[in-house]
Amino acid sequence: MILVFGKTGQVARALASRPDVTALGRQEADLTDPGACAEAIARHAPDAVINAAAYTAVDLAETEGDLAEAINAAAPGAMARACAAQGIPFVHLSTDYVFDGSANAPWQPGDTPSPINAYGRSKLSGEMAVKRAGGVHAILRTSWVFSEQGRNFVTTMLSLAQSREQLSIVADQIGGPTYATDIADACYKIAQSLQSAPHLAGTYHFSGAPDVSWAEFAREIFGLAGCSVTVNEIETSAYPTPARRPLNSRLDCTDLARFGLGRPDWKTGLQRVIETTKVSQ
């Protein structure tokens, strides 16, 4: 059995659909209480643990730094220590936001992180806590997550398309959109692999292909959905937010070949989201 922290998030929902997965929500394990997270692992005695829960309100984290640190750093640290004590693998989801976005090439897993916002700093703290625990672990950094559920770029664009004929979208931030189900599949496979191949532990990158700007992503969304919306390209400086965003969020995912994984085509996931959205309307 694989124990998953998170129940309502995009990746957690995709993981929870598997028959051998037990997903824990806030009532079963409060991420603001690291001790409760460790106790949950001891109580369930799983074969592996995946942490798919996180504080993801990027802008709000600028004023809720302590809460972001508790959920994104203290909690996964406690999980990792509990897993290390029981000798079971731990898979932890992280983010491209641990980087400052200044590089001209895709980020390598071994590149030095330098987050430029509170959310990124909290996620980097979480990575460091997981490593310090000393157990068999995989840190999986991903980017631009979207799915059928919740509030994400795709669902937001589809909603806005109902009432808008044109939108101004940032064009100088580049990254790989990633379908939540693809992330869930990767986490599951890594968790299984680490049980028999602990030497594969380490930090990995996983994002959809090809890399695009938010504006290009929006055009693809509207095109596949059959929406007549004009996308006007703007620079990040024209759309100020409380938290700074990295311009370059491209991730080098080559090392995932060790698990037999490659970069998924995000357009396939996008088509699924659009088809599901049409059915539910």
C-alpha atoms as a PDB file:
ATOM      1  CA  MET A   1       0.000   0.000   0.000  1.00  0.00           C
ATOM      2  CA  ILE A   2       1.182   3.496  -0.859  1.00  0.00           C
ATOM      3  CA  LEU A   3       0.238   6.282   1.537  1.00  0.00           C
ATOM      4  CA  VAL A   4      -0.462   9.668  -0.048  1.00  0.00           C
ATOM      5  CA  PHE A   5      -0.582  12.950   1.836  1.00  0.00           C
ATOM      6  CA  GLY A   6      -3.169  15.107   0.125  1.00  0.00           C
ATOM      7  CA  LYS A   7      -6.714  14.391  -0.964  1.00  0.00           C
ATOM      8  CA  THR A   8      -8.150  17.414  -2.736  1.00  0.00           C
ATOM      9  CA  GLY A   9      -5.172  18.687  -4.712  1.00  0.00           C
ATOM     10  CA  GLN A  10      -4.784  18.062  -8.429  1.00  0.00           C
ATOM     11  CA  VAL A  11      -2.101  15.374  -8.182  1.00  0.00           C
ATOM     12  CA  ALA A  12      -3.519  13.854  -4.995  1.00  0.00           C
ATOM     13  CA  ARG A  13      -6.898  13.298  -6.646  1.00  0.00           C
ATOM     14  CA  ALA A  14      -5.274  11.461  -9.532  1.00  0.00           C
ATOM     15  CA  LEU A  15      -3.293   9.285  -7.124  1.00  0.00           C
ATOM     16  CA  ALA A  16      -6.288   8.542  -4.912  1.00  0.00           C
ATOM     17  CA  SER A  17      -8.068   6.747  -7.763  1.00  0.00           C
ATOM     18  CA  ARG A  18      -5.605   3.829  -7.560  1.00  0.00           C
ATOM     19  CA  PRO A  19      -6.821   0.804  -5.587  1.00  0.00           C
ATOM     20  CA  ASP A  20      -3.612   0.351  -3.587  1.00  0.00           C
ATOM     21  CA  VAL A  21      -3.404   4.007  -2.534  1.00  0.00           C
ATOM     22  CA  THR A  22      -4.633   5.410   0.771  1.00  0.00           C
ATOM     23  CA  ALA A  23      -4.991   9.198   0.589  1.00  0.00           C
ATOM     24  CA  LEU A  24      -5.026  11.349   3.700  1.00  0.00           C
ATOM     25  CA  GLY A  25      -6.811  14.682   3.863  1.00  0.00           C
ATOM     26  CA  ARG A  26      -6.553  17.420   6.483  1.00  0.00           C
ATOM     27  CA  GLN A  27      -8.822  15.568   8.902  1.00  0.00           C
ATOM     28  CA  GLU A  28      -6.603  12.471   8.818  1.00  0.00           C
ATOM     29  CA  ALA A  29      -3.306  14.370   8.926  1.00  0.00           C
ATOM     30  CA  ASP A  30      -3.035  18.116   9.539  1.00  0.00           C
ATOM     31  CA  LEU A  31       0.035  19.395   7.703  1.00  0.00           C
ATOM     32  CA  THR A  32       0.424  22.220  10.205  1.00  0.00           C
ATOM     33  CA  ASP A  33       1.147  19.492  12.789  1.00  0.00           C
ATOM     34  CA  PRO A  34       4.325  17.647  11.713  1.00  0.00           C
ATOM     35  CA  GLY A  35       3.902  15.158  14.535  1.00  0.00           C
ATOM     36  CA  ALA A  36       0.507  14.121  13.181  1.00  0.00           C
ATOM     37  CA  CYS A  37       2.071  13.411   9.792  1.00  0.00           C
ATOM     38  CA  ALA A  38       4.705  11.145  11.353  1.00  0.00           C
ATOM     39  CA  GLU A  39       2.064   9.394  13.431  1.00  0.00           C
ATOM     40  CA  ALA A  40      -0.044   8.724  10.326  1.00  0.00           C
ATOM     41  CA  ILE A  41       2.874   6.968   8.662  1.00  0.00           C
ATOM     42  CA  ALA A  42       3.510   4.828  11.725  1.00  0.00           C
ATOM     43  CA  ARG A  43      -0.190   3.992  11.988  1.00  0.00           C
ATOM     44  CA  HIS A  44      -0.667   2.928   8.359  1.00  0.00           C
ATOM     45  CA  ALA A  45       2.719   1.170   7.939  1.00  0.00           C
ATOM     46  CA  PRO A  46       2.769   1.671   4.141  1.00  0.00           C
ATOM     47  CA  ASP A  47       5.229   0.291   1.596  1.00  0.00           C
ATOM     48  CA  ALA A  48       5.996   3.840   0.408  1.00  0.00           C
ATOM     49  CA  VAL A  49       4.820   7.415   0.975  1.00  0.00           C
ATOM     50  CA  ILE A  50       4.080  10.167  -1.538  1.00  0.00           C
ATOM     51  CA  ASN A  51       3.650  13.754  -0.381  1.00  0.00           C
ATOM     52  CA  ALA A  52       1.281  15.405  -2.853  1.00  0.00           C
ATOM     53  CA  ALA A  53       0.051  18.022  -0.378  1.00  0.00           C
ATOM     54  CA  ALA A  54       1.376  21.571  -0.292  1.00  0.00           C
ATOM     55  CA  TYR A  55       0.645  25.223   0.367  1.00  0.00           C
ATOM     56  CA  THR A  56       0.374  26.519  -3.209  1.00  0.00           C
ATOM     57  CA  ALA A  57      -1.029  30.056  -2.866  1.00  0.00           C
ATOM     58  CA  VAL A  58       2.044  31.695  -4.406  1.00  0.00           C
ATOM     59  CA  ASP A  59       1.007  35.320  -3.917  1.00  0.00           C
ATOM     60  CA  LEU A  60      -0.577  34.807  -0.504  1.00  0.00           C
ATOM     61  CA  ALA A  61       2.618  33.148   0.717  1.00  0.00           C
ATOM     62  CA  GLU A  62       4.266  36.578   0.667  1.00  0.00           C
ATOM     63  CA  THR A  63       2.210  37.451   3.758  1.00  0.00           C
ATOM     64  CA  GLU A  64       1.715  33.911   5.102  1.00  0.00           C
ATOM     65  CA  GLY A  65       5.323  32.818   5.089  1.00  0.00           C
ATOM     66  CA  ASP A  66       5.120  30.975   8.407  1.00  0.00           C
ATOM     67  CA  LEU A  67       2.155  28.901   7.261  1.00  0.00           C
ATOM     68  CA  ALA A  68       3.852  28.107   3.951  1.00  0.00           C
ATOM     69  CA  GLU A  69       6.999  26.984   5.812  1.00  0.00           C
ATOM     70  CA  ALA A  70       4.974  24.794   8.181  1.00  0.00           C
ATOM     71  CA  ILE A  71       3.164  22.972   5.364  1.00  0.00           C
ATOM     72  CA  ASN A  72       5.903  22.959   2.712  1.00  0.00           C
ATOM     73  CA  ALA A  73       8.947  22.393   4.924  1.00  0.00           C
ATOM     74  CA  ALA A  74       8.234  21.200   8.471  1.00  0.00           C
ATOM     75  CA  ALA A  75       5.577  18.661   7.449  1.00  0.00           C
ATOM     76  CA  PRO A  76       7.559  16.939   4.667  1.00  0.00           C
ATOM     77  CA  GLY A  77      10.609  16.927   6.928  1.00  0.00           C
ATOM     78  CA  ALA A  78       8.623  15.006   9.550  1.00  0.00           C
ATOM     79  CA  MET A  79       7.289  12.641   6.877  1.00  0.00           C
ATOM     80  CA  ALA A  80      10.786  11.981   5.542  1.00  0.00           C
ATOM     81  CA  ARG A  81      12.173  11.264   9.005  1.00  0.00           C
ATOM     82  CA  ALA A  82       9.314   8.860   9.750  1.00  0.00           C
ATOM     83  CA  CYS A  83       9.930   7.065   6.444  1.00  0.00           C
ATOM     84  CA  ALA A  84      13.662   6.875   7.118  1.00  0.00           C
ATOM     85  CA  ALA A  85      12.987   5.368  10.553  1.00  0.00           C
ATOM     86  CA  GLN A  86      10.768   2.684   9.001  1.00  0.00           C
ATOM     87  CA  GLY A  87      13.036   2.065   6.016  1.00  0.00           C
ATOM     88  CA  ILE A  88      10.447   2.948   3.361  1.00  0.00           C
ATOM     89  CA  PRO A  89      10.794   5.222   0.289  1.00  0.00           C
ATOM     90  CA  PHE A  90       9.480   8.772   0.330  1.00  0.00           C
ATOM     91  CA  VAL A  91       8.502  10.698  -2.826  1.00  0.00           C
ATOM     92  CA  HIS A  92       8.123  14.448  -2.388  1.00  0.00           C
ATOM     93  CA  LEU A  93       6.706  16.869  -4.953  1.00  0.00           C
ATOM     94  CA  SER A  94       8.533  20.150  -5.391  1.00  0.00           C
ATOM     95  CA  THR A  95       8.537  22.967  -7.922  1.00  0.00           C
ATOM     96  CA  ASP A  96      10.387  24.900 -10.601  1.00  0.00           C
ATOM     97  CA  TYR A  97       9.966  27.911  -8.292  1.00  0.00           C
ATOM     98  CA  VAL A  98      13.051  26.858  -6.328  1.00  0.00           C
ATOM     99  CA  PHE A  99      14.967  28.491  -9.211  1.00  0.00           C
ATOM    100  CA  ASP A 100      15.190  32.200  -9.972  1.00  0.00           C
ATOM    101  CA  GLY A 101      14.483  31.784 -13.691  1.00  0.00           C
ATOM    102  CA  SER A 102      17.629  33.581 -14.819  1.00  0.00           C
ATOM    103  CA  ALA A 103      19.293  30.743 -16.758  1.00  0.00           C
ATOM    104  CA  ASN A 104      19.217  30.563 -20.534  1.00  0.00           C
ATOM    105  CA  ALA A 105      18.957  26.767 -20.621  1.00  0.00           C
ATOM    106  CA  PRO A 106      16.624  24.233 -18.969  1.00  0.00           C
ATOM    107  CA  TRP A 107      17.359  23.783 -15.271  1.00  0.00           C
ATOM    108  CA  GLN A 108      19.298  20.659 -14.311  1.00  0.00           C
ATOM    109  CA  PRO A 109      18.400  18.815 -11.086  1.00  0.00           C
ATOM    110  CA  GLY A 110      21.863  19.614  -9.736  1.00  0.00           C
ATOM    111  CA  ASP A 111      21.704  23.355 -10.441  1.00  0.00           C
ATOM    112  CA  THR A 112      21.884  25.621  -7.401  1.00  0.00           C
ATOM    113  CA  PRO A 113      18.401  26.762  -6.322  1.00  0.00           C
ATOM    114  CA  SER A 114      17.770  30.455  -5.703  1.00  0.00           C
ATOM    115  CA  PRO A 115      14.054  31.129  -5.173  1.00  0.00           C
ATOM    116  CA  ILE A 116      12.723  34.653  -5.674  1.00  0.00           C
ATOM    117  CA  ASN A 117       9.483  34.377  -3.687  1.00  0.00           C
ATOM    118  CA  ALA A 118       8.284  33.060  -0.333  1.00  0.00           C
ATOM    119  CA  TYR A 119       6.554  30.054  -1.856  1.00  0.00           C
ATOM    120  CA  GLY A 120       9.752  28.977  -3.599  1.00  0.00           C
ATOM    121  CA  ARG A 121      11.759  29.466  -0.403  1.00  0.00           C
ATOM    122  CA  SER A 122       9.323  27.276   1.548  1.00  0.00           C
ATOM    123  CA  LYS A 123       9.533  24.536  -1.072  1.00  0.00           C
ATOM    124  CA  LEU A 124      13.328  24.673  -1.056  1.00  0.00           C
ATOM    125  CA  SER A 125      13.275  24.387   2.739  1.00  0.00           C
ATOM    126  CA  GLY A 126      11.136  21.290   2.304  1.00  0.00           C
ATOM    127  CA  GLU A 127      13.629  19.755  -0.118  1.00  0.00           C
ATOM    128  CA  MET A 128      16.462  20.366   2.326  1.00  0.00           C
ATOM    129  CA  ALA A 129      14.474  18.823   5.203  1.00  0.00           C
ATOM    130  CA  VAL A 130      13.781  15.710   3.128  1.00  0.00           C
ATOM    131  CA  LYS A 131      17.446  15.313   2.272  1.00  0.00           C
ATOM    132  CA  ARG A 132      18.526  15.809   5.880  1.00  0.00           C
ATOM    133  CA  ALA A 133      16.263  12.953   6.979  1.00  0.00           C
ATOM    134  CA  GLY A 134      18.736  10.580   5.365  1.00  0.00           C
ATOM    135  CA  GLY A 135      16.232   8.036   4.045  1.00  0.00           C
ATOM    136  CA  VAL A 136      15.537   6.697   0.558  1.00  0.00           C
ATOM    137  CA  HIS A 137      13.745   9.539  -1.187  1.00  0.00           C
ATOM    138  CA  ALA A 138      12.955  11.133  -4.516  1.00  0.00           C
ATOM    139  CA  ILE A 139      12.303  14.846  -4.852  1.00  0.00           C
ATOM    140  CA  LEU A 140      10.290  15.454  -8.011  1.00  0.00           C
ATOM    141  CA  ARG A 141      10.221  19.047  -9.215  1.00  0.00           C
ATOM    142  CA  THR A 142       7.430  19.848 -11.625  1.00  0.00           C
ATOM    143  CA  SER A 143       5.834  22.931 -13.173  1.00  0.00           C
ATOM    144  CA  TRP A 144       2.661  24.582 -14.450  1.00  0.00           C
ATOM    145  CA  VAL A 145       0.289  21.899 -13.165  1.00  0.00           C
ATOM    146  CA  PHE A 146      -3.191  21.644 -14.689  1.00  0.00           C
ATOM    147  CA  SER A 147      -6.117  19.230 -14.482  1.00  0.00           C
ATOM    148  CA  GLU A 148      -9.879  18.931 -14.745  1.00  0.00           C
ATOM    149  CA  GLN A 149     -10.348  19.918 -11.104  1.00  0.00           C
ATOM    150  CA  GLY A 150      -9.737  23.024  -9.097  1.00  0.00           C
ATOM    151  CA  ARG A 151      -8.389  26.387 -10.076  1.00  0.00           C
ATOM    152  CA  ASN A 152      -5.522  26.247 -12.554  1.00  0.00           C
ATOM    153  CA  PHE A 153      -4.503  28.027 -15.740  1.00  0.00           C
ATOM    154  CA  VAL A 154      -6.539  25.786 -18.048  1.00  0.00           C
ATOM    155  CA  THR A 155      -9.784  25.920 -16.064  1.00  0.00           C
ATOM    156  CA  THR A 156      -9.327  29.673 -15.607  1.00  0.00           C
ATOM    157  CA  MET A 157      -8.836  30.248 -19.342  1.00  0.00           C
ATOM    158  CA  LEU A 158     -11.862  28.099 -20.221  1.00  0.00           C
ATOM    159  CA  SER A 159     -13.960  30.053 -17.753  1.00  0.00           C
ATOM    160  CA  LEU A 160     -12.801  33.437 -19.039  1.00  0.00           C
ATOM    161  CA  ALA A 161     -13.487  32.345 -22.621  1.00  0.00           C
ATOM    162  CA  GLN A 162     -17.197  32.290 -21.808  1.00  0.00           C
ATOM    163  CA  SER A 163     -17.313  36.064 -21.425  1.00  0.00           C
ATOM    164  CA  ARG A 164     -14.170  37.517 -23.020  1.00  0.00           C
ATOM    165  CA  GLU A 165     -13.243  38.044 -26.666  1.00  0.00           C
ATOM    166  CA  GLN A 166      -9.607  38.892 -25.960  1.00  0.00           C
ATOM    167  CA  LEU A 167      -7.137  38.435 -23.129  1.00  0.00           C
ATOM    168  CA  SER A 168      -3.680  39.797 -22.325  1.00  0.00           C
ATOM    169  CA  ILE A 169      -1.383  36.906 -21.388  1.00  0.00           C
ATOM    170  CA  VAL A 170       2.269  36.920 -20.287  1.00  0.00           C
ATOM    171  CA  ALA A 171       4.617  35.814 -23.068  1.00  0.00           C
ATOM    172  CA  ASP A 172       8.082  36.083 -21.492  1.00  0.00           C
ATOM    173  CA  GLN A 173       7.672  33.276 -18.931  1.00  0.00           C
ATOM    174  CA  ILE A 174       8.581  29.924 -20.489  1.00  0.00           C
ATOM    175  CA  GLY A 175       7.933  26.485 -19.033  1.00  0.00           C
ATOM    176  CA  GLY A 176       6.435  23.043 -19.480  1.00  0.00           C
ATOM    177  CA  PRO A 177       2.724  22.666 -18.691  1.00  0.00           C
ATOM    178  CA  THR A 178       2.184  19.382 -16.844  1.00  0.00           C
ATOM    179  CA  TYR A 179      -1.006  17.342 -16.593  1.00  0.00           C
ATOM    180  CA  ALA A 180      -1.681  16.284 -13.000  1.00  0.00           C
ATOM    181  CA  THR A 181      -2.451  12.684 -13.969  1.00  0.00           C
ATOM    182  CA  ASP A 182       0.948  12.418 -15.653  1.00  0.00           C
ATOM    183  CA  ILE A 183       2.603  13.657 -12.452  1.00  0.00           C
ATOM    184  CA  ALA A 184       0.601  11.150 -10.418  1.00  0.00           C
ATOM    185  CA  ASP A 185       1.681   8.322 -12.724  1.00  0.00           C
ATOM    186  CA  ALA A 186       5.320   9.378 -12.398  1.00  0.00           C
ATOM    187  CA  CYS A 187       5.135   9.613  -8.586  1.00  0.00           C
ATOM    188  CA  TYR A 188       3.534   6.184  -8.389  1.00  0.00           C
ATOM    189  CA  LYS A 189       6.140   4.564 -10.619  1.00  0.00           C
ATOM    190  CA  ILE A 190       9.020   6.180  -8.733  1.00  0.00           C
ATOM    191  CA  ALA A 191       7.569   5.099  -5.378  1.00  0.00           C
ATOM    192  CA  GLN A 192       7.290   1.534  -6.626  1.00  0.00           C
ATOM    193  CA  SER A 193      10.769   1.540  -8.162  1.00  0.00           C
ATOM    194  CA  LEU A 194      12.493   2.846  -5.043  1.00  0.00           C
ATOM    195  CA  GLN A 195      11.211  -0.118  -3.049  1.00  0.00           C
ATOM    196  CA  SER A 196      13.444  -2.476  -5.052  1.00  0.00           C
ATOM    197  CA  ALA A 197      16.012   0.017  -6.368  1.00  0.00           C
ATOM    198  CA  PRO A 198      16.875   2.425  -3.523  1.00  0.00           C
ATOM    199  CA  HIS A 199      20.049   3.466  -5.368  1.00  0.00           C
ATOM    200  CA  LEU A 200      17.815   5.527  -7.688  1.00  0.00           C
ATOM    201  CA  ALA A 201      17.085   7.979  -4.869  1.00  0.00           C
ATOM    202  CA  GLY A 202      17.737  11.630  -5.655  1.00  0.00           C
ATOM    203  CA  THR A 203      16.300  14.811  -7.163  1.00  0.00           C
ATOM    204  CA  TYR A 204      14.507  14.697 -10.504  1.00  0.00           C
ATOM    205  CA  HIS A 205      12.626  17.001 -12.856  1.00  0.00           C
ATOM    206  CA  PHE A 206       9.320  16.223 -14.573  1.00  0.00           C
ATOM    207  CA  SER A 207       7.380  18.550 -16.865  1.00  0.00           C
ATOM    208  CA  GLY A 208       5.291  18.337 -19.999  1.00  0.00           C
ATOM    209  CA  ALA A 209       6.613  18.968 -23.501  1.00  0.00           C
ATOM    210  CA  PRO A 210       7.040  21.111 -25.460  1.00  0.00           C
ATOM    211  CA  ASP A 211       8.083  24.189 -23.500  1.00  0.00           C
ATOM    212  CA  VAL A 212       5.893  27.204 -24.257  1.00  0.00           C
ATOM    213  CA  SER A 213       4.979  30.626 -22.924  1.00  0.00           C
ATOM    214  CA  TRP A 214       1.763  31.233 -21.028  1.00  0.00           C
ATOM    215  CA  ALA A 215       0.455  33.078 -24.097  1.00  0.00           C
ATOM    216  CA  GLU A 216       1.224  30.120 -26.371  1.00  0.00           C
ATOM    217  CA  PHE A 217      -0.373  27.760 -23.871  1.00  0.00           C
ATOM    218  CA  ALA A 218      -3.508  29.926 -23.801  1.00  0.00           C
ATOM    219  CA  ARG A 219      -3.766  29.901 -27.600  1.00  0.00           C
ATOM    220  CA  GLU A 220      -3.579  26.104 -27.619  1.00  0.00           C
ATOM    221  CA  ILE A 221      -6.288  25.917 -24.953  1.00  0.00           C
ATOM    222  CA  PHE A 222      -8.641  28.151 -26.923  1.00  0.00           C
ATOM    223  CA  GLY A 223      -7.833  26.398 -30.189  1.00  0.00           C
ATOM    224  CA  LEU A 224      -8.582  22.913 -28.879  1.00  0.00           C
ATOM    225  CA  ALA A 225     -11.702  24.137 -27.084  1.00  0.00           C
ATOM    226  CA  GLY A 226     -12.980  25.943 -30.173  1.00  0.00           C
ATOM    227  CA  CYS A 227     -13.087  29.309 -28.406  1.00  0.00           C
ATOM    228  CA  SER A 228     -12.753  32.535 -30.397  1.00  0.00           C
ATOM    229  CA  VAL A 229     -10.495  34.448 -28.025  1.00  0.00           C
ATOM    230  CA  THR A 230      -7.682  36.718 -29.167  1.00  0.00           C
ATOM    231  CA  VAL A 231      -4.517  36.442 -27.055  1.00  0.00           C
ATOM    232  CA  ASN A 232      -2.518  39.652 -26.728  1.00  0.00           C
ATOM    233  CA  GLU A 233       1.055  39.040 -25.592  1.00  0.00           C
ATOM    234  CA  ILE A 234       2.413  41.131 -22.720  1.00  0.00           C
ATOM    235  CA  GLU A 235       5.570  41.099 -20.630  1.00  0.00           C
ATOM    236  CA  THR A 236       5.628  40.075 -16.975  1.00  0.00           C
ATOM    237  CA  SER A 237       6.324  43.683 -16.000  1.00  0.00           C
ATOM    238  CA  ALA A 238       2.905  44.642 -17.371  1.00  0.00           C
ATOM    239  CA  TYR A 239       1.153  42.219 -15.018  1.00  0.00           C
ATOM    240  CA  PRO A 240       2.591  42.840 -11.539  1.00  0.00           C
ATOM    241  CA  THR A 241       1.832  40.304  -8.791  1.00  0.00           C
ATOM    242  CA  PRO A 242       2.746  40.232  -5.080  1.00  0.00           C
ATOM    243  CA  ALA A 243       5.172  37.341  -5.720  1.00  0.00           C
ATOM    244  CA  ARG A 244       7.786  37.476  -8.449  1.00  0.00           C
ATOM    245  CA  ARG A 245       7.686  34.667 -11.026  1.00  0.00           C
ATOM    246  CA  PRO A 246      10.730  33.074 -12.701  1.00  0.00           C
ATOM    247  CA  LEU A 247      10.953  33.815 -16.424  1.00  0.00           C
ATOM    248  CA  ASN A 248      12.660  30.534 -17.270  1.00  0.00           C
ATOM    249  CA  SER A 249      10.865  27.528 -15.789  1.00  0.00           C
ATOM    250  CA  ARG A 250      12.161  24.993 -18.302  1.00  0.00           C
ATOM    251  CA  LEU A 251      13.259  21.762 -16.632  1.00  0.00           C
ATOM    252  CA  ASP A 252      15.741  19.196 -17.926  1.00  0.00           C
ATOM    253  CA  CYS A 253      14.003  15.861 -17.353  1.00  0.00           C
ATOM    254  CA  THR A 254      16.643  13.582 -18.893  1.00  0.00           C
ATOM    255  CA  ASP A 255      17.458  11.745 -15.645  1.00  0.00           C
ATOM    256  CA  LEU A 256      13.922  10.350 -15.418  1.00  0.00           C
ATOM    257  CA  ALA A 257      14.951   7.759 -17.991  1.00  0.00           C
ATOM    258  CA  ARG A 258      16.328   5.843 -14.994  1.00  0.00           C
ATOM    259  CA  PHE A 259      12.704   5.059 -14.156  1.00  0.00           C
ATOM    260  CA  GLY A 260      11.689   4.494 -17.761  1.00  0.00           C
ATOM    261  CA  LEU A 261       9.977   7.887 -17.801  1.00  0.00           C
ATOM    262  CA  GLY A 262      10.111  10.717 -20.305  1.00  0.00           C
ATOM    263  CA  ARG A 263       8.397  14.049 -20.787  1.00  0.00           C
ATOM    264  CA  PRO A 264       4.685  13.613 -21.550  1.00  0.00           C
ATOM    265  CA  ASP A 265       2.936  15.561 -24.301  1.00  0.00           C
ATOM    266  CA  TRP A 266       0.842  18.097 -22.400  1.00  0.00           C
ATOM    267  CA  LYS A 267      -1.495  18.514 -25.383  1.00  0.00           C
ATOM    268  CA  THR A 268      -2.809  15.003 -24.752  1.00  0.00           C
ATOM    269  CA  GLY A 269      -3.645  15.911 -21.159  1.00  0.00           C
ATOM    270  CA  LEU A 270      -5.122  19.219 -22.274  1.00  0.00           C
ATOM    271  CA  GLN A 271      -7.446  17.428 -24.693  1.00  0.00           C
ATOM    272  CA  ARG A 272      -8.687  15.229 -21.846  1.00  0.00           C
ATOM    273  CA  VAL A 273      -9.373  18.251 -19.664  1.00  0.00           C
ATOM    274  CA  ILE A 274     -11.294  20.008 -22.432  1.00  0.00           C
ATOM    275  CA  GLU A 275     -13.366  16.902 -23.231  1.00  0.00           C
ATOM    276  CA  THR A 276     -14.198  16.431 -19.540  1.00  0.00           C
ATOM    277  CA  THR A 277     -15.134  20.090 -19.182  1.00  0.00           C
ATOM    278  CA  LYS A 278     -17.501  19.921 -22.194  1.00  0.00           C
ATOM    279  CA  VAL A 279     -19.240  16.855 -20.768  1.00  0.00           C
ATOM    280  CA  SER A 280     -19.760  18.545 -17.391  1.00  0.00           C
ATOM    281  CA  GLN A 281     -21.196  21.733 -18.866  1.00  0.00           C
END
